[in-house]
Amino acid sequence: MLGTNKYVISGADRLNMVFHLKEPGKTEPSGNFINVGLELSANGVLAHPDPDVDLCIISISDVIAQQEHTSRPVFFVHLARSSIPQPEDWAYFDAMEEVVMIGCPNGIYDDANKMPLARRGIAATTISKRYNGKPWFLVDMACFPGSSGSPVFVFNQNGYIDRKTNINHVGASRLLFVGVLFAGPTISNTGEIVLGNAPTFQINSICI
């Protein structure tokens, strides 16, 4: 499954993806690429039923299976179940958690190696609480237009405090998938702060 925002694919009938080719016995990208097309009308696009949740998932399993039966199988890494917080884990997230986003802000990415960019920031509101009653939280991060649909992770590279047990895991790493970027606040000509999917004046970003 491939996840993104509903509005990102709104009105689209085809998705073009660039994959690294898979090399036998290797567990890293090969550096050789292939373009794969996906007709959205012929594949399931499952949109989240809540209008306040700008998420949808797209089935790409058939595309991957088709490539496996050719001489050009594709390399991919799926999100491990262990990277998804359990329901009881959400109560112990806090504000100012260290977060990282993987995406292509302003369409910028490593074209030669076909790799996205990583941006680091912090959670600006408590991840476990609903921001203004919505299933969102704020992050303080340099997220420019084109970042929509980017996954956001709580990421601790050199240790963290487990708030459930109050144990300090010195030197340990942690990577947990907590949201998808979908919007940033803009300031209107009347001075009102509103959400928009293509911000022109960005002060932080919102994740769901």
Protein backbone atom coordinates (compact mmCIF):
# COMPACT_ATOMS: atom_id res chain seq x y z
CA MET A 1 0.00 0.00 0.00
CA LEU A 2 1.07 3.55 -0.76
CA GLY A 3 -0.25 6.33 1.49
CA THR A 4 -0.74 9.99 0.63
CA ASN A 5 -3.25 12.85 0.97
CA LYS A 6 -6.66 12.75 -0.66
CA TYR A 7 -6.15 16.13 -2.28
CA VAL A 8 -2.76 15.14 -3.75
CA ILE A 9 -4.38 12.64 -6.12
CA SER A 10 -7.71 14.44 -6.50
CA GLY A 11 -8.64 14.49 -10.20
CA ALA A 12 -5.71 12.26 -11.21
CA ASP A 13 -6.22 9.11 -13.25
CA ARG A 14 -2.62 7.88 -13.37
CA LEU A 15 0.28 7.62 -10.95
CA ASN A 16 3.89 7.49 -12.17
CA MET A 17 6.41 5.95 -9.79
CA VAL A 18 10.19 5.61 -9.97
CA PHE A 19 11.65 2.50 -8.36
CA HIS A 20 15.18 1.27 -7.87
CA LEU A 21 15.63 -2.11 -9.50
CA LYS A 22 16.22 -4.97 -7.10
CA GLU A 23 19.50 -6.84 -7.31
CA PRO A 24 19.62 -10.47 -6.10
CA GLY A 25 21.06 -10.85 -2.62
CA LYS A 26 21.23 -7.11 -1.91
CA THR A 27 19.21 -5.21 0.68
CA GLU A 28 19.91 -1.65 -0.50
CA PRO A 29 18.86 0.39 -3.54
CA SER A 30 20.73 -0.66 -6.67
CA GLY A 31 21.16 2.74 -8.32
CA ASN A 32 19.42 1.49 -11.46
CA PHE A 33 15.90 2.78 -11.98
CA ILE A 34 12.63 1.97 -13.68
CA ASN A 35 9.48 4.04 -14.25
CA VAL A 36 6.26 2.24 -13.41
CA GLY A 37 2.80 3.56 -14.23
CA LEU A 38 -0.36 2.84 -12.27
CA GLU A 39 -3.87 3.53 -13.54
CA LEU A 40 -5.79 4.79 -10.52
CA SER A 41 -9.12 3.96 -12.12
CA ALA A 42 -8.12 0.30 -12.29
CA ASN A 43 -6.74 0.07 -8.77
CA GLY A 44 -8.31 0.59 -5.39
CA VAL A 45 -7.94 4.00 -3.80
CA LEU A 46 -9.27 3.83 -0.26
CA ALA A 47 -9.97 7.26 1.23
CA HIS A 48 -10.33 7.79 4.96
CA PRO A 49 -14.04 8.26 5.70
CA ASP A 50 -13.45 11.15 8.13
CA PRO A 51 -13.39 14.47 6.19
CA ASP A 52 -10.99 15.88 8.80
CA VAL A 53 -8.44 13.16 7.98
CA ASP A 54 -6.79 13.94 4.66
CA LEU A 55 -5.46 10.45 4.01
CA CYS A 56 -5.89 7.75 1.42
CA ILE A 57 -4.09 4.54 0.52
CA ILE A 58 -3.43 3.12 -2.93
CA SER A 59 -2.83 -0.53 -3.66
CA ILE A 60 0.48 -1.08 -5.48
CA SER A 61 0.81 -4.79 -4.71
CA ASP A 62 -0.25 -5.83 -8.22
CA VAL A 63 2.38 -3.57 -9.77
CA ILE A 64 5.10 -5.00 -7.54
CA ALA A 65 3.94 -8.56 -8.24
CA GLN A 66 3.93 -7.93 -12.00
CA GLN A 67 7.49 -6.65 -11.85
CA GLU A 68 8.53 -9.70 -9.82
CA HIS A 69 7.46 -11.87 -12.75
CA THR A 70 9.61 -9.92 -15.19
CA SER A 71 13.35 -9.61 -15.44
CA ARG A 72 13.10 -6.23 -13.70
CA PRO A 73 11.80 -6.68 -10.12
CA VAL A 74 11.67 -3.48 -8.09
CA PHE A 75 13.29 -2.66 -4.77
CA PHE A 76 11.01 -1.41 -2.01
CA VAL A 77 10.95 -1.25 1.77
CA HIS A 78 7.65 -1.44 3.59
CA LEU A 79 6.88 0.09 6.96
CA ALA A 80 7.38 -2.53 9.64
CA ARG A 81 4.56 -3.18 12.09
CA SER A 82 7.01 -2.47 14.92
CA SER A 83 7.34 1.12 13.62
CA ILE A 84 3.64 1.80 14.21
CA PRO A 85 2.81 2.88 17.78
CA GLN A 86 0.33 0.69 19.61
CA PRO A 87 -2.86 2.37 20.90
CA GLU A 88 -1.52 2.44 24.46
CA ASP A 89 1.73 4.08 23.28
CA TRP A 90 0.01 7.29 22.15
CA ALA A 91 -0.72 8.37 25.72
CA TYR A 92 2.99 8.70 26.40
CA PHE A 93 3.94 10.97 23.51
CA ASP A 94 4.67 14.55 24.52
CA ALA A 95 5.17 17.98 23.00
CA MET A 96 8.68 18.68 21.70
CA GLU A 97 9.26 15.09 20.59
CA GLU A 98 12.05 14.92 18.01
CA VAL A 99 10.52 14.28 14.59
CA VAL A 100 11.79 13.77 11.05
CA MET A 101 9.95 14.05 7.74
CA ILE A 102 10.91 12.28 4.50
CA GLY A 103 9.74 13.99 1.32
CA CYS A 104 10.39 16.30 -1.59
CA PRO A 105 9.84 19.91 -0.44
CA ASN A 106 9.36 22.28 -3.37
CA GLY A 107 9.92 19.25 -5.60
CA ILE A 108 13.56 19.07 -4.50
CA TYR A 109 15.13 15.62 -4.30
CA ASP A 110 18.33 13.81 -5.24
CA ASP A 111 17.56 13.23 -8.92
CA ALA A 112 20.77 11.32 -9.63
CA ASN A 113 20.16 8.79 -6.86
CA LYS A 114 16.35 9.09 -6.83
CA MET A 115 16.24 9.77 -3.11
CA PRO A 116 14.00 12.13 -1.09
CA LEU A 117 15.15 14.65 1.48
CA ALA A 118 14.99 14.34 5.26
CA ARG A 119 13.93 17.29 7.40
CA ARG A 120 14.29 17.36 11.17
CA GLY A 121 12.12 19.27 13.66
CA ILE A 122 10.10 18.92 16.84
CA ALA A 123 6.49 18.31 17.70
CA ALA A 124 5.07 21.72 18.57
CA THR A 125 1.98 20.31 20.29
CA THR A 126 1.50 17.11 22.26
CA ILE A 127 1.19 14.30 19.73
CA SER A 128 -1.23 12.37 21.92
CA LYS A 129 -3.73 15.26 22.13
CA ARG A 130 -6.11 16.34 19.37
CA TYR A 131 -5.15 19.82 18.17
CA ASN A 132 -8.25 22.08 18.39
CA GLY A 133 -10.36 18.94 18.65
CA LYS A 134 -9.10 17.59 15.31
CA PRO A 135 -7.05 14.42 14.73
CA TRP A 136 -3.97 16.57 14.05
CA PHE A 137 -0.83 17.77 15.77
CA LEU A 138 1.60 20.56 14.92
CA VAL A 139 5.25 20.20 14.04
CA ASP A 140 7.87 22.95 13.95
CA MET A 141 9.84 22.08 10.84
CA ALA A 142 10.88 23.55 7.49
CA CYS A 143 8.07 22.05 5.39
CA PHE A 144 7.56 23.78 2.06
CA PRO A 145 4.89 23.24 -0.61
CA GLY A 146 5.41 19.82 -2.16
CA SER A 147 5.89 18.16 1.22
CA SER A 148 2.27 17.02 1.42
CA GLY A 149 1.94 13.27 1.80
CA SER A 150 5.35 12.97 3.46
CA PRO A 151 5.56 10.53 6.38
CA VAL A 152 6.52 11.95 9.78
CA PHE A 153 8.34 9.87 12.38
CA VAL A 154 9.29 10.32 15.99
CA PHE A 155 13.02 9.79 15.63
CA ASN A 156 15.58 9.53 18.42
CA GLN A 157 19.04 8.67 17.18
CA ASN A 158 21.11 8.89 20.35
CA GLY A 159 18.78 7.94 23.18
CA TYR A 160 15.38 8.81 24.57
CA ILE A 161 13.31 8.66 27.74
CA ASP A 162 10.55 6.07 27.76
CA ARG A 163 7.75 8.06 29.41
CA LYS A 164 5.83 4.89 30.13
CA THR A 165 8.57 3.51 32.38
CA ASN A 166 10.66 6.68 32.89
CA ILE A 167 13.69 4.71 31.79
CA ASN A 168 16.40 6.65 29.98
CA HIS A 169 17.54 4.56 26.99
CA VAL A 170 20.99 6.10 26.61
CA GLY A 171 22.42 5.65 23.12
CA ALA A 172 19.38 3.73 21.89
CA SER A 173 17.52 4.71 18.72
CA ARG A 174 13.77 4.89 18.13
CA LEU A 175 11.76 5.33 14.92
CA LEU A 176 7.96 5.46 15.12
CA PHE A 177 5.54 6.47 12.36
CA VAL A 178 3.14 9.05 13.79
CA GLY A 179 1.61 10.99 10.91
CA VAL A 180 1.49 12.35 7.38
CA LEU A 181 2.04 15.99 6.50
CA PHE A 182 -1.00 17.55 4.88
CA ALA A 183 -1.12 21.32 5.40
CA GLY A 184 0.48 24.43 6.76
CA PRO A 185 -1.01 27.65 8.13
CA THR A 186 -1.11 30.75 5.98
CA ILE A 187 -1.79 34.34 6.96
CA SER A 188 -4.60 35.91 4.96
CA ASN A 189 -4.74 39.56 3.92
CA THR A 190 -6.96 40.20 6.95
CA GLY A 191 -4.36 38.74 9.30
CA GLU A 192 -6.30 35.55 9.96
CA ILE A 193 -4.31 32.32 10.28
CA VAL A 194 -5.93 29.60 8.16
CA LEU A 195 -4.94 26.18 6.90
CA GLY A 196 -4.03 25.74 3.28
CA ASN A 197 -2.57 22.92 1.23
CA ALA A 198 -0.23 25.23 -0.68
CA PRO A 199 1.03 27.74 1.90
CA THR A 200 2.73 30.94 0.83
CA PHE A 201 3.74 31.98 4.34
CA GLN A 202 4.61 28.99 6.43
CA ILE A 203 5.32 29.08 10.13
CA ASN A 204 4.87 25.42 10.98
CA SER A 205 3.04 22.39 9.67
CA ILE A 206 0.25 20.09 10.70
CA CYS A 207 0.32 16.33 10.76
CA ILE A 208 -2.43 13.78 11.15
